[in-house]
Amino acid sequence: MCETYDGRNAIAEWRVTRAHSPRRCDACYETIPRQARYHHFSALYDGHWSHVDQCVRCHAIWLAADAKITAWDEGASLTLDCGIEAEPDDAAQAVAFWIPSDPPIRDFAELVRSIGTK
């Protein structure tokens, strides 16, 4: 479907951290401003390190997409370029189409938690 796994990462780590300088989200290419929280994934697989930075919005979208995949050896692409086709619920649409220059979404964390539960 999106990414097929043929083995396990030797090392894998998720971190939620703050940007010390502006960064770029590897999924939407928006700038993650200095001091903003973002999700960082690192993995060592077949002797090669890979790193992915996701803004909070793209991480929420990735979690919703990954939850829809039921095969044990597949998962949504961390860069959200996998072409999953699904009808998003209202919460997923609100998060997906919000950009940092828009007014803040009230109760953003609650909205993110509600994705895929209705």
C-alpha atoms as a PDB file:
ATOM      1  CA  MET A   1       0.000   0.000   0.000  1.00  0.00           C
ATOM      2  CA  CYS A   2       2.466   2.655   1.096  1.00  0.00           C
ATOM      3  CA  GLU A   3       5.674   1.271   2.498  1.00  0.00           C
ATOM      4  CA  THR A   4       6.276  -2.439   2.807  1.00  0.00           C
ATOM      5  CA  TYR A   5       8.644  -3.611   5.494  1.00  0.00           C
ATOM      6  CA  ASP A   6      10.813  -6.626   4.890  1.00  0.00           C
ATOM      7  CA  GLY A   7      12.556  -6.516   8.232  1.00  0.00           C
ATOM      8  CA  ARG A   8      13.056  -4.509  11.384  1.00  0.00           C
ATOM      9  CA  ASN A   9      15.016  -1.361  11.974  1.00  0.00           C
ATOM     10  CA  ALA A  10      18.150  -1.985  14.010  1.00  0.00           C
ATOM     11  CA  ILE A  11      17.420   1.242  15.871  1.00  0.00           C
ATOM     12  CA  ALA A  12      14.322   3.426  15.669  1.00  0.00           C
ATOM     13  CA  GLU A  13      13.436   6.476  17.719  1.00  0.00           C
ATOM     14  CA  TRP A  14      10.556   8.973  17.807  1.00  0.00           C
ATOM     15  CA  ARG A  15      11.079  12.276  19.590  1.00  0.00           C
ATOM     16  CA  VAL A  16       8.880  15.292  20.108  1.00  0.00           C
ATOM     17  CA  THR A  17      11.164  18.270  20.375  1.00  0.00           C
ATOM     18  CA  ARG A  18      11.362  22.022  19.821  1.00  0.00           C
ATOM     19  CA  ALA A  19      13.079  23.540  16.813  1.00  0.00           C
ATOM     20  CA  HIS A  20      16.246  25.427  17.791  1.00  0.00           C
ATOM     21  CA  SER A  21      16.207  27.027  14.360  1.00  0.00           C
ATOM     22  CA  PRO A  22      13.645  27.001  11.534  1.00  0.00           C
ATOM     23  CA  ARG A  23      13.255  23.545   9.999  1.00  0.00           C
ATOM     24  CA  ARG A  24      11.302  22.113   7.079  1.00  0.00           C
ATOM     25  CA  CYS A  25       8.583  19.517   7.471  1.00  0.00           C
ATOM     26  CA  ASP A  26       9.485  16.553   5.259  1.00  0.00           C
ATOM     27  CA  ALA A  27       5.808  15.914   4.483  1.00  0.00           C
ATOM     28  CA  CYS A  28       4.277  19.316   3.637  1.00  0.00           C
ATOM     29  CA  TYR A  29       7.482  21.343   3.164  1.00  0.00           C
ATOM     30  CA  GLU A  30       6.129  24.134   5.386  1.00  0.00           C
ATOM     31  CA  THR A  31       8.628  25.834   7.660  1.00  0.00           C
ATOM     32  CA  ILE A  32       8.599  24.688  11.258  1.00  0.00           C
ATOM     33  CA  PRO A  33       9.330  27.950  13.082  1.00  0.00           C
ATOM     34  CA  ARG A  34      11.980  28.333  15.746  1.00  0.00           C
ATOM     35  CA  GLN A  35      10.708  27.094  19.142  1.00  0.00           C
ATOM     36  CA  ALA A  36       7.748  25.196  17.583  1.00  0.00           C
ATOM     37  CA  ARG A  37       7.241  21.566  18.551  1.00  0.00           C
ATOM     38  CA  TYR A  38       7.769  18.939  15.874  1.00  0.00           C
ATOM     39  CA  HIS A  39       8.162  15.160  15.590  1.00  0.00           C
ATOM     40  CA  HIS A  40      11.520  13.691  14.630  1.00  0.00           C
ATOM     41  CA  PHE A  41      11.978  10.062  13.542  1.00  0.00           C
ATOM     42  CA  SER A  42      15.365   8.388  13.125  1.00  0.00           C
ATOM     43  CA  ALA A  43      15.988   4.818  12.034  1.00  0.00           C
ATOM     44  CA  LEU A  44      18.996   2.651  11.250  1.00  0.00           C
ATOM     45  CA  TYR A  45      18.106   0.065   8.625  1.00  0.00           C
ATOM     46  CA  ASP A  46      20.551  -2.002   6.574  1.00  0.00           C
ATOM     47  CA  GLY A  47      23.431   0.145   7.811  1.00  0.00           C
ATOM     48  CA  HIS A  48      21.888   3.456   6.688  1.00  0.00           C
ATOM     49  CA  TRP A  49      20.335   6.178   8.853  1.00  0.00           C
ATOM     50  CA  SER A  50      17.167   7.925   7.774  1.00  0.00           C
ATOM     51  CA  HIS A  51      15.621  10.962   9.437  1.00  0.00           C
ATOM     52  CA  VAL A  52      12.184  12.509   9.009  1.00  0.00           C
ATOM     53  CA  ASP A  53      10.866  15.711  10.581  1.00  0.00           C
ATOM     54  CA  GLN A  54       7.092  16.192  10.753  1.00  0.00           C
ATOM     55  CA  CYS A  55       5.196  19.286  11.846  1.00  0.00           C
ATOM     56  CA  VAL A  56       2.423  18.652  14.377  1.00  0.00           C
ATOM     57  CA  ARG A  57      -0.222  18.793  11.653  1.00  0.00           C
ATOM     58  CA  CYS A  58       1.479  16.254   9.377  1.00  0.00           C
ATOM     59  CA  HIS A  59       2.163  13.929  12.298  1.00  0.00           C
ATOM     60  CA  ALA A  60      -1.559  13.924  13.127  1.00  0.00           C
ATOM     61  CA  ILE A  61      -2.396  13.152   9.498  1.00  0.00           C
ATOM     62  CA  TRP A  62       0.225  10.385   9.425  1.00  0.00           C
ATOM     63  CA  LEU A  63      -1.204   8.798  12.596  1.00  0.00           C
ATOM     64  CA  ALA A  64      -4.701   8.789  11.062  1.00  0.00           C
ATOM     65  CA  ALA A  65      -3.439   7.322   7.771  1.00  0.00           C
ATOM     66  CA  ASP A  66      -1.290   4.697   9.469  1.00  0.00           C
ATOM     67  CA  ALA A  67      -4.209   3.596  11.652  1.00  0.00           C
ATOM     68  CA  LYS A  68      -6.214   2.725   8.508  1.00  0.00           C
ATOM     69  CA  ILE A  69      -3.597   0.216   7.321  1.00  0.00           C
ATOM     70  CA  THR A  70      -4.230  -3.242   8.716  1.00  0.00           C
ATOM     71  CA  ALA A  71      -1.447  -5.330   7.158  1.00  0.00           C
ATOM     72  CA  TRP A  72       1.314  -6.050   9.667  1.00  0.00           C
ATOM     73  CA  ASP A  73       4.053  -5.365   7.121  1.00  0.00           C
ATOM     74  CA  GLU A  74       2.761  -2.067   5.714  1.00  0.00           C
ATOM     75  CA  GLY A  75       2.547   1.451   7.022  1.00  0.00           C
ATOM     76  CA  ALA A  76       1.818   4.970   5.858  1.00  0.00           C
ATOM     77  CA  SER A  77       4.801   6.817   4.469  1.00  0.00           C
ATOM     78  CA  LEU A  78       6.269   9.269   6.988  1.00  0.00           C
ATOM     79  CA  THR A  79       6.442  11.870   4.221  1.00  0.00           C
ATOM     80  CA  LEU A  80       2.738  11.366   3.377  1.00  0.00           C
ATOM     81  CA  ASP A  81       3.444  10.642  -0.282  1.00  0.00           C
ATOM     82  CA  CYS A  82       1.861   7.204  -0.334  1.00  0.00           C
ATOM     83  CA  GLY A  83      -1.464   7.861  -2.022  1.00  0.00           C
ATOM     84  CA  ILE A  84      -3.831   6.473   0.599  1.00  0.00           C
ATOM     85  CA  GLU A  85      -7.388   6.931  -0.573  1.00  0.00           C
ATOM     86  CA  ALA A  86      -9.931   7.288   2.193  1.00  0.00           C
ATOM     87  CA  GLU A  87     -12.795   9.551   3.079  1.00  0.00           C
ATOM     88  CA  PRO A  88     -11.409  11.798   5.801  1.00  0.00           C
ATOM     89  CA  ASP A  89     -13.658  12.737   8.676  1.00  0.00           C
ATOM     90  CA  ASP A  90     -14.272  16.401   9.571  1.00  0.00           C
ATOM     91  CA  ALA A  91     -11.464  16.461  12.130  1.00  0.00           C
ATOM     92  CA  ALA A  92      -8.922  15.088   9.655  1.00  0.00           C
ATOM     93  CA  GLN A  93      -9.970  17.653   7.052  1.00  0.00           C
ATOM     94  CA  ALA A  94      -9.694  20.525   9.525  1.00  0.00           C
ATOM     95  CA  VAL A  95      -6.161  19.464  10.438  1.00  0.00           C
ATOM     96  CA  ALA A  96      -5.091  18.605   6.879  1.00  0.00           C
ATOM     97  CA  PHE A  97      -6.015  21.934   5.364  1.00  0.00           C
ATOM     98  CA  TRP A  98      -4.834  24.196   8.202  1.00  0.00           C
ATOM     99  CA  ILE A  99      -1.555  26.015   7.548  1.00  0.00           C
ATOM    100  CA  PRO A 100       0.548  27.992  10.033  1.00  0.00           C
ATOM    101  CA  SER A 101      -0.556  31.363   8.617  1.00  0.00           C
ATOM    102  CA  ASP A 102      -4.234  30.517   9.377  1.00  0.00           C
ATOM    103  CA  PRO A 103      -5.807  31.535  12.682  1.00  0.00           C
ATOM    104  CA  PRO A 104      -5.131  28.956  15.402  1.00  0.00           C
ATOM    105  CA  ILE A 105      -7.568  26.077  15.690  1.00  0.00           C
ATOM    106  CA  ARG A 106      -9.209  26.119  19.097  1.00  0.00           C
ATOM    107  CA  ASP A 107      -8.581  22.885  20.967  1.00  0.00           C
ATOM    108  CA  PHE A 108      -6.115  21.644  18.312  1.00  0.00           C
ATOM    109  CA  ALA A 109      -4.926  18.770  20.513  1.00  0.00           C
ATOM    110  CA  GLU A 110      -8.508  17.573  21.055  1.00  0.00           C
ATOM    111  CA  LEU A 111      -9.202  17.797  17.320  1.00  0.00           C
ATOM    112  CA  VAL A 112      -6.099  15.712  16.555  1.00  0.00           C
ATOM    113  CA  ARG A 113      -7.109  13.061  19.113  1.00  0.00           C
ATOM    114  CA  SER A 114     -10.563  12.805  17.514  1.00  0.00           C
ATOM    115  CA  ILE A 115      -9.277  11.943  14.024  1.00  0.00           C
ATOM    116  CA  GLY A 116     -10.691   8.630  12.875  1.00  0.00           C
ATOM    117  CA  THR A 117     -12.856   8.085  15.968  1.00  0.00           C
ATOM    118  CA  LYS A 118     -16.188   9.172  14.463  1.00  0.00           C
END
